[in-house]
Amino acid sequence: MGTKFKTTDEYMATVPEPCVEKAREIREIIRKAAPKATEVISYNIPAFKQQKVLVWFAGYKGHIGFYPGGSAIHVFQDDLADYKTSKGAIQFSLDKPLPVSLINKIVKYRIKEVAE
């Protein structure tokens, strides 16, 4: 199989070019929303962990994948109406600005959820 990443920086070095800037941006948004979380690699993609993993993200040629888990998708389903979602994933298009306040709300929700 492909590369096994040990750090987020290692992963970031392999993100496809059209996505690099957005991948950096989402990493920074999550970092600010969860300042106590540590960056880890989980499922071979970047994740932020505080007791448990809060969220994951990944960069692809056509979108950013943001993985906050099923409960967050359910809680924020109305806010996510404009995005492609699945059971535990949200796709953010590369041609639109990242929804900073929504990402913040989801990360803060996950911090609370994990703490309970």
C-alpha atoms as a PDB file:
ATOM      1  CA  MET A   1       0.000   0.000   0.000  1.00  0.00           C
ATOM      2  CA  GLY A   2       0.980   3.691  -0.074  1.00  0.00           C
ATOM      3  CA  THR A   3       2.916   5.803   2.376  1.00  0.00           C
ATOM      4  CA  LYS A   4       2.252   5.414   6.089  1.00  0.00           C
ATOM      5  CA  PHE A   5       2.314   8.939   7.497  1.00  0.00           C
ATOM      6  CA  LYS A   6       3.732   9.615  10.945  1.00  0.00           C
ATOM      7  CA  THR A   7       2.990  13.346  11.160  1.00  0.00           C
ATOM      8  CA  THR A   8       0.537  15.851   9.738  1.00  0.00           C
ATOM      9  CA  ASP A   9       3.440  17.696   8.102  1.00  0.00           C
ATOM     10  CA  GLU A  10       4.427  14.489   6.279  1.00  0.00           C
ATOM     11  CA  TYR A  11       0.838  14.117   5.079  1.00  0.00           C
ATOM     12  CA  MET A  12       0.596  17.787   4.059  1.00  0.00           C
ATOM     13  CA  ALA A  13       3.653  17.403   1.840  1.00  0.00           C
ATOM     14  CA  THR A  14       1.666  14.944  -0.315  1.00  0.00           C
ATOM     15  CA  VAL A  15      -1.596  16.889  -0.682  1.00  0.00           C
ATOM     16  CA  PRO A  16      -2.454  17.431  -4.384  1.00  0.00           C
ATOM     17  CA  GLU A  17      -1.546  20.937  -5.594  1.00  0.00           C
ATOM     18  CA  PRO A  18      -5.049  22.334  -6.205  1.00  0.00           C
ATOM     19  CA  CYS A  19      -5.841  21.578  -2.585  1.00  0.00           C
ATOM     20  CA  VAL A  20      -2.725  22.637  -0.666  1.00  0.00           C
ATOM     21  CA  GLU A  21      -3.927  26.100   0.376  1.00  0.00           C
ATOM     22  CA  LYS A  22      -7.349  24.867   1.576  1.00  0.00           C
ATOM     23  CA  ALA A  23      -5.731  21.973   3.462  1.00  0.00           C
ATOM     24  CA  ARG A  24      -3.472  24.434   5.287  1.00  0.00           C
ATOM     25  CA  GLU A  25      -6.466  26.665   5.968  1.00  0.00           C
ATOM     26  CA  ILE A  26      -8.664  23.923   7.461  1.00  0.00           C
ATOM     27  CA  ARG A  27      -5.757  22.718   9.594  1.00  0.00           C
ATOM     28  CA  GLU A  28      -5.377  26.241  11.005  1.00  0.00           C
ATOM     29  CA  ILE A  29      -9.146  26.654  11.571  1.00  0.00           C
ATOM     30  CA  ILE A  30      -9.277  23.385  13.527  1.00  0.00           C
ATOM     31  CA  ARG A  31      -6.104  24.250  15.446  1.00  0.00           C
ATOM     32  CA  LYS A  32      -7.641  27.561  16.588  1.00  0.00           C
ATOM     33  CA  ALA A  33     -11.005  25.976  17.444  1.00  0.00           C
ATOM     34  CA  ALA A  34      -9.352  23.208  19.494  1.00  0.00           C
ATOM     35  CA  PRO A  35      -6.189  24.757  20.966  1.00  0.00           C
ATOM     36  CA  LYS A  36      -5.741  21.924  23.506  1.00  0.00           C
ATOM     37  CA  ALA A  37      -5.983  19.185  20.888  1.00  0.00           C
ATOM     38  CA  THR A  38      -2.905  17.424  19.588  1.00  0.00           C
ATOM     39  CA  GLU A  39      -2.320  16.641  15.940  1.00  0.00           C
ATOM     40  CA  VAL A  40      -2.112  12.944  15.174  1.00  0.00           C
ATOM     41  CA  ILE A  41      -2.389  10.664  12.185  1.00  0.00           C
ATOM     42  CA  SER A  42      -5.400   8.361  12.351  1.00  0.00           C
ATOM     43  CA  TYR A  43      -6.603   6.202   9.442  1.00  0.00           C
ATOM     44  CA  ASN A  44      -3.487   7.589   7.696  1.00  0.00           C
ATOM     45  CA  ILE A  45      -4.913  11.139   7.530  1.00  0.00           C
ATOM     46  CA  PRO A  46      -4.487  14.155   9.843  1.00  0.00           C
ATOM     47  CA  ALA A  47      -6.652  14.258  12.945  1.00  0.00           C
ATOM     48  CA  PHE A  48      -6.998  16.390  16.058  1.00  0.00           C
ATOM     49  CA  LYS A  49      -7.219  14.508  19.339  1.00  0.00           C
ATOM     50  CA  GLN A  50      -8.372  15.640  22.769  1.00  0.00           C
ATOM     51  CA  GLN A  51      -9.026  12.524  24.879  1.00  0.00           C
ATOM     52  CA  LYS A  52     -10.380  10.958  21.664  1.00  0.00           C
ATOM     53  CA  VAL A  53     -10.128  12.057  18.041  1.00  0.00           C
ATOM     54  CA  LEU A  54     -12.330  15.109  17.489  1.00  0.00           C
ATOM     55  CA  VAL A  55     -12.100  15.489  13.708  1.00  0.00           C
ATOM     56  CA  TRP A  56     -10.074  14.343  10.723  1.00  0.00           C
ATOM     57  CA  PHE A  57      -9.379  16.105   7.442  1.00  0.00           C
ATOM     58  CA  ALA A  58      -7.865  15.165   4.107  1.00  0.00           C
ATOM     59  CA  GLY A  59      -6.966  16.914   0.878  1.00  0.00           C
ATOM     60  CA  TYR A  60      -7.998  15.539  -2.499  1.00  0.00           C
ATOM     61  CA  LYS A  61      -7.734  16.794  -6.081  1.00  0.00           C
ATOM     62  CA  GLY A  62     -11.305  18.131  -6.093  1.00  0.00           C
ATOM     63  CA  HIS A  63     -12.248  18.765  -2.468  1.00  0.00           C
ATOM     64  CA  ILE A  64     -11.324  18.844   1.196  1.00  0.00           C
ATOM     65  CA  GLY A  65     -12.745  15.981   3.232  1.00  0.00           C
ATOM     66  CA  PHE A  66     -13.746  16.898   6.779  1.00  0.00           C
ATOM     67  CA  TYR A  67     -14.676  14.014   9.069  1.00  0.00           C
ATOM     68  CA  PRO A  68     -16.360  15.000  12.348  1.00  0.00           C
ATOM     69  CA  GLY A  69     -18.306  11.746  12.769  1.00  0.00           C
ATOM     70  CA  GLY A  70     -21.950  10.868  12.366  1.00  0.00           C
ATOM     71  CA  SER A  71     -23.379  12.673  15.378  1.00  0.00           C
ATOM     72  CA  ALA A  72     -21.972  16.029  14.239  1.00  0.00           C
ATOM     73  CA  ILE A  73     -23.316  15.492  10.713  1.00  0.00           C
ATOM     74  CA  HIS A  74     -26.733  14.831  12.233  1.00  0.00           C
ATOM     75  CA  VAL A  75     -26.661  17.818  14.641  1.00  0.00           C
ATOM     76  CA  PHE A  76     -25.549  20.255  11.917  1.00  0.00           C
ATOM     77  CA  GLN A  77     -27.540  18.759   9.027  1.00  0.00           C
ATOM     78  CA  ASP A  78     -29.397  22.031   8.324  1.00  0.00           C
ATOM     79  CA  ASP A  79     -26.119  23.998   8.185  1.00  0.00           C
ATOM     80  CA  LEU A  80     -24.658  21.320   5.909  1.00  0.00           C
ATOM     81  CA  ALA A  81     -27.480  21.432   3.325  1.00  0.00           C
ATOM     82  CA  ASP A  82     -25.192  23.097   0.746  1.00  0.00           C
ATOM     83  CA  TYR A  83     -22.447  20.472   1.086  1.00  0.00           C
ATOM     84  CA  LYS A  84     -22.045  16.887  -0.023  1.00  0.00           C
ATOM     85  CA  THR A  85     -22.173  14.736   3.110  1.00  0.00           C
ATOM     86  CA  SER A  86     -22.218  11.070   4.021  1.00  0.00           C
ATOM     87  CA  LYS A  87     -22.525   9.224   7.321  1.00  0.00           C
ATOM     88  CA  GLY A  88     -19.447  10.812   8.897  1.00  0.00           C
ATOM     89  CA  ALA A  89     -17.980  13.040   6.184  1.00  0.00           C
ATOM     90  CA  ILE A  90     -18.388  16.469   4.642  1.00  0.00           C
ATOM     91  CA  GLN A  91     -16.893  17.556   1.332  1.00  0.00           C
ATOM     92  CA  PHE A  92     -15.825  21.184   0.929  1.00  0.00           C
ATOM     93  CA  SER A  93     -15.377  22.279  -2.666  1.00  0.00           C
ATOM     94  CA  LEU A  94     -12.053  23.868  -3.586  1.00  0.00           C
ATOM     95  CA  ASP A  95     -13.717  26.681  -5.547  1.00  0.00           C
ATOM     96  CA  LYS A  96     -15.614  28.117  -2.567  1.00  0.00           C
ATOM     97  CA  PRO A  97     -14.333  29.613   0.690  1.00  0.00           C
ATOM     98  CA  LEU A  98     -14.220  27.212   3.633  1.00  0.00           C
ATOM     99  CA  PRO A  99     -17.151  27.792   6.041  1.00  0.00           C
ATOM    100  CA  VAL A 100     -14.962  28.925   8.949  1.00  0.00           C
ATOM    101  CA  SER A 101     -17.745  29.547  11.477  1.00  0.00           C
ATOM    102  CA  LEU A 102     -19.417  26.216  10.677  1.00  0.00           C
ATOM    103  CA  ILE A 103     -16.128  24.312  11.043  1.00  0.00           C
ATOM    104  CA  ASN A 104     -15.578  26.120  14.359  1.00  0.00           C
ATOM    105  CA  LYS A 105     -19.060  25.176  15.598  1.00  0.00           C
ATOM    106  CA  ILE A 106     -18.571  21.527  14.618  1.00  0.00           C
ATOM    107  CA  VAL A 107     -15.143  21.289  16.287  1.00  0.00           C
ATOM    108  CA  LYS A 108     -16.466  22.933  19.488  1.00  0.00           C
ATOM    109  CA  TYR A 109     -19.430  20.538  19.449  1.00  0.00           C
ATOM    110  CA  ARG A 110     -17.034  17.585  19.156  1.00  0.00           C
ATOM    111  CA  ILE A 111     -14.904  18.878  22.074  1.00  0.00           C
ATOM    112  CA  LYS A 112     -18.040  18.951  24.250  1.00  0.00           C
ATOM    113  CA  GLU A 113     -19.262  15.580  22.975  1.00  0.00           C
ATOM    114  CA  VAL A 114     -15.931  13.849  23.651  1.00  0.00           C
ATOM    115  CA  ALA A 115     -15.702  15.379  27.145  1.00  0.00           C
ATOM    116  CA  GLU A 116     -19.128  13.985  28.153  1.00  0.00           C
END
